[in-house]
């Protein structure tokens, strides 16, 4: 299953993204971000 997380660098979005990375392959996760500088915190 593929997942799309919008607002992935926000408070909830970051937590959901980190949790989802433990549950499935990173190939199944896509994220939408607004602040490119915060992208580093997700290690994408």
PDB file of N, CA and C in Angstrom:
ATOM      1  N   UNK A   1       0.845  -1.163   0.000  1.00  0.00           N
ATOM      2  CA  UNK A   1       0.000   0.000   0.000  1.00  0.00           C
ATOM      3  C   UNK A   1       0.899   1.237   0.000  1.00  0.00           C
ATOM      4  N   UNK A   2       0.508   2.240  -0.730  1.00  0.00           N
ATOM      5  CA  UNK A   2       1.240   3.507  -0.799  1.00  0.00           C
ATOM      6  C   UNK A   2       0.595   4.519   0.142  1.00  0.00           C
ATOM      7  N   UNK A   3       1.423   5.374   0.739  1.00  0.00           N
ATOM      8  CA  UNK A   3       0.940   6.381   1.678  1.00  0.00           C
ATOM      9  C   UNK A   3       1.420   7.754   1.244  1.00  0.00           C
ATOM     10  N   UNK A   4       0.558   8.754   1.371  1.00  0.00           N
ATOM     11  CA  UNK A   4       0.908  10.145   1.118  1.00  0.00           C
ATOM     12  C   UNK A   4       0.611  10.935   2.386  1.00  0.00           C
ATOM     13  N   UNK A   5       1.638  11.575   2.908  1.00  0.00           N
ATOM     14  CA  UNK A   5       1.488  12.371   4.120  1.00  0.00           C
ATOM     15  C   UNK A   5       1.698  13.826   3.742  1.00  0.00           C
ATOM     16  N   UNK A   6       0.674  14.634   3.932  1.00  0.00           N
ATOM     17  CA  UNK A   6       0.807  16.064   3.662  1.00  0.00           C
ATOM     18  C   UNK A   6       1.189  16.757   4.961  1.00  0.00           C
ATOM     19  N   UNK A   7       1.971  17.795   4.855  1.00  0.00           N
ATOM     20  CA  UNK A   7       2.422  18.496   6.057  1.00  0.00           C
ATOM     21  C   UNK A   7       3.377  17.656   6.880  1.00  0.00           C
ATOM     22  N   UNK A   8       4.241  16.916   6.208  1.00  0.00           N
ATOM     23  CA  UNK A   8       5.109  15.950   6.887  1.00  0.00           C
ATOM     24  C   UNK A   8       6.134  16.581   7.815  1.00  0.00           C
ATOM     25  N   UNK A   9       6.395  17.868   7.694  1.00  0.00           N
ATOM     26  CA  UNK A   9       7.354  18.507   8.593  1.00  0.00           C
ATOM     27  C   UNK A   9       6.672  19.217   9.754  1.00  0.00           C
ATOM     28  N   UNK A  10       5.361  19.141   9.818  1.00  0.00           N
ATOM     29  CA  UNK A  10       4.632  19.724  10.948  1.00  0.00           C
ATOM     30  C   UNK A  10       4.695  18.807  12.159  1.00  0.00           C
ATOM     31  N   UNK A  11       4.083  19.227  13.243  1.00  0.00           N
ATOM     32  CA  UNK A  11       4.135  18.449  14.487  1.00  0.00           C
ATOM     33  C   UNK A  11       3.559  17.050  14.317  1.00  0.00           C
ATOM     34  N   UNK A  12       2.326  16.954  13.898  1.00  0.00           N
ATOM     35  CA  UNK A  12       1.688  15.648  13.739  1.00  0.00           C
ATOM     36  C   UNK A  12       2.248  14.899  12.537  1.00  0.00           C
ATOM     37  N   UNK A  13       2.448  15.600  11.437  1.00  0.00           N
ATOM     38  CA  UNK A  13       2.946  14.954  10.228  1.00  0.00           C
ATOM     39  C   UNK A  13       4.289  14.287  10.423  1.00  0.00           C
ATOM     40  N   UNK A  14       5.169  14.925  11.176  1.00  0.00           N
ATOM     41  CA  UNK A  14       6.490  14.343  11.427  1.00  0.00           C
ATOM     42  C   UNK A  14       6.376  13.079  12.270  1.00  0.00           C
ATOM     43  N   UNK A  15       5.510  13.086  13.258  1.00  0.00           N
ATOM     44  CA  UNK A  15       5.312  11.898  14.097  1.00  0.00           C
ATOM     45  C   UNK A  15       4.711  10.753  13.292  1.00  0.00           C
ATOM     46  N   UNK A  16       3.736  11.071  12.459  1.00  0.00           N
ATOM     47  CA  UNK A  16       3.113  10.046  11.625  1.00  0.00           C
ATOM     48  C   UNK A  16       4.133   9.466  10.646  1.00  0.00           C
ATOM     49  N   UNK A  17       4.947  10.333  10.053  1.00  0.00           N
ATOM     50  CA  UNK A  17       5.958   9.880   9.101  1.00  0.00           C
ATOM     51  C   UNK A  17       6.959   8.957   9.774  1.00  0.00           C
ATOM     52  N   UNK A  18       7.440   9.346  10.938  1.00  0.00           N
ATOM     53  CA  UNK A  18       8.410   8.504  11.655  1.00  0.00           C
ATOM     54  C   UNK A  18       7.793   7.162  12.035  1.00  0.00           C
ATOM     55  N   UNK A  19       6.548   7.159  12.490  1.00  0.00           N
ATOM     56  CA  UNK A  19       5.870   5.913  12.848  1.00  0.00           C
ATOM     57  C   UNK A  19       5.683   5.038  11.620  1.00  0.00           C
ATOM     58  N   UNK A  20       5.251   5.646  10.536  1.00  0.00           N
ATOM     59  CA  UNK A  20       4.993   4.889   9.320  1.00  0.00           C
ATOM     60  C   UNK A  20       6.269   4.261   8.770  1.00  0.00           C
ATOM     61  N   UNK A  21       7.391   4.942   8.936  1.00  0.00           N
ATOM     62  CA  UNK A  21       8.673   4.389   8.475  1.00  0.00           C
ATOM     63  C   UNK A  21       9.031   3.116   9.222  1.00  0.00           C
ATOM     64  N   UNK A  22       8.532   2.945  10.440  1.00  0.00           N
ATOM     65  CA  UNK A  22       8.792   1.710  11.181  1.00  0.00           C
ATOM     66  C   UNK A  22       7.835   0.599  10.766  1.00  0.00           C
ATOM     67  N   UNK A  23       6.737   0.968  10.119  1.00  0.00           N
ATOM     68  CA  UNK A  23       5.704  -0.005   9.771  1.00  0.00           C
ATOM     69  C   UNK A  23       5.787  -0.516   8.336  1.00  0.00           C
ATOM     70  N   UNK A  24       6.429   0.245   7.440  1.00  0.00           N
ATOM     71  CA  UNK A  24       6.456  -0.129   6.033  1.00  0.00           C
ATOM     72  C   UNK A  24       7.750   0.363   5.393  1.00  0.00           C
ATOM     73  N   UNK A  25       7.996  -0.084   4.199  1.00  0.00           N
ATOM     74  CA  UNK A  25       9.182   0.332   3.454  1.00  0.00           C
ATOM     75  C   UNK A  25       9.075   1.809   3.071  1.00  0.00           C
ATOM     76  N   UNK A  26      10.219   2.486   3.043  1.00  0.00           N
ATOM     77  CA  UNK A  26      10.221   3.899   2.653  1.00  0.00           C
ATOM     78  C   UNK A  26       9.770   4.086   1.209  1.00  0.00           C
ATOM     79  N   UNK A  27       9.852   3.041   0.410  1.00  0.00           N
ATOM     80  CA  UNK A  27       9.391   3.123  -0.980  1.00  0.00           C
ATOM     81  C   UNK A  27       7.883   3.319  -1.067  1.00  0.00           C
ATOM     82  N   UNK A  28       7.171   3.005  -0.005  1.00  0.00           N
ATOM     83  CA  UNK A  28       5.716   3.130   0.013  1.00  0.00           C
ATOM     84  C   UNK A  28       5.237   4.465   0.572  1.00  0.00           C
ATOM     85  N   UNK A  29       6.162   5.321   0.985  1.00  0.00           N
ATOM     86  CA  UNK A  29       5.797   6.574   1.645  1.00  0.00           C
ATOM     87  C   UNK A  29       6.161   7.759   0.762  1.00  0.00           C
ATOM     88  N   UNK A  30       5.213   8.656   0.581  1.00  0.00           N
ATOM     89  CA  UNK A  30       5.442   9.922  -0.114  1.00  0.00           C
ATOM     90  C   UNK A  30       5.024  11.031   0.830  1.00  0.00           C
ATOM     91  N   UNK A  31       5.774  12.109   0.835  1.00  0.00           N
ATOM     92  CA  UNK A  31       5.456  13.202   1.746  1.00  0.00           C
ATOM     93  C   UNK A  31       5.329  14.508   0.985  1.00  0.00           C
ATOM     94  N   UNK A  32       4.457  15.354   1.480  1.00  0.00           N
ATOM     95  CA  UNK A  32       4.319  16.710   0.974  1.00  0.00           C
ATOM     96  C   UNK A  32       4.832  17.654   2.044  1.00  0.00           C
ATOM     97  N   UNK A  33       5.746  18.543   1.651  1.00  0.00           N
ATOM     98  CA  UNK A  33       6.322  19.457   2.628  1.00  0.00           C
ATOM     99  C   UNK A  33       6.239  20.888   2.117  1.00  0.00           C
ATOM    100  N   UNK A  34       6.176  21.804   3.045  1.00  0.00           N
ATOM    101  CA  UNK A  34       6.113  23.224   2.704  1.00  0.00           C
ATOM    102  C   UNK A  34       7.470  23.888   2.913  1.00  0.00           C
ATOM    103  N   UNK A  35       8.138  23.511   3.985  1.00  0.00           N
ATOM    104  CA  UNK A  35       9.411  24.127   4.347  1.00  0.00           C
ATOM    105  C   UNK A  35      10.554  23.180   3.980  1.00  0.00           C
ATOM    106  N   UNK A  36      11.282  23.490   2.923  1.00  0.00           N
ATOM    107  CA  UNK A  36      12.354  22.609   2.465  1.00  0.00           C
ATOM    108  C   UNK A  36      13.479  22.469   3.482  1.00  0.00           C
ATOM    109  N   UNK A  37      13.706  23.475   4.301  1.00  0.00           N
ATOM    110  CA  UNK A  37      14.766  23.389   5.306  1.00  0.00           C
ATOM    111  C   UNK A  37      14.463  22.325   6.358  1.00  0.00           C
ATOM    112  N   UNK A  38      13.190  22.113   6.648  1.00  0.00           N
ATOM    113  CA  UNK A  38      12.812  21.104   7.636  1.00  0.00           C
ATOM    114  C   UNK A  38      12.883  19.688   7.067  1.00  0.00           C
ATOM    115  N   UNK A  39      13.042  19.573   5.772  1.00  0.00           N
ATOM    116  CA  UNK A  39      13.114  18.261   5.129  1.00  0.00           C
ATOM    117  C   UNK A  39      14.240  17.422   5.723  1.00  0.00           C
ATOM    118  N   UNK A  40      15.316  18.076   6.124  1.00  0.00           N
ATOM    119  CA  UNK A  40      16.464  17.370   6.688  1.00  0.00           C
ATOM    120  C   UNK A  40      16.069  16.587   7.933  1.00  0.00           C
ATOM    121  N   UNK A  41      15.134  17.104   8.710  1.00  0.00           N
ATOM    122  CA  UNK A  41      14.719  16.404   9.929  1.00  0.00           C
ATOM    123  C   UNK A  41      14.050  15.069   9.618  1.00  0.00           C
ATOM    124  N   UNK A  42      13.512  14.919   8.424  1.00  0.00           N
ATOM    125  CA  UNK A  42      12.880  13.660   8.026  1.00  0.00           C
ATOM    126  C   UNK A  42      13.867  12.704   7.374  1.00  0.00           C
ATOM    127  N   UNK A  43      15.049  13.202   7.034  1.00  0.00           N
ATOM    128  CA  UNK A  43      16.076  12.410   6.345  1.00  0.00           C
ATOM    129  C   UNK A  43      15.549  11.832   5.048  1.00  0.00           C
ATOM    130  N   UNK A  44      14.925  12.669   4.252  1.00  0.00           N
ATOM    131  CA  UNK A  44      14.382  12.222   2.967  1.00  0.00           C
ATOM    132  C   UNK A  44      15.348  12.614   1.879  1.00  0.00           C
TER     133      UNK A  44
END
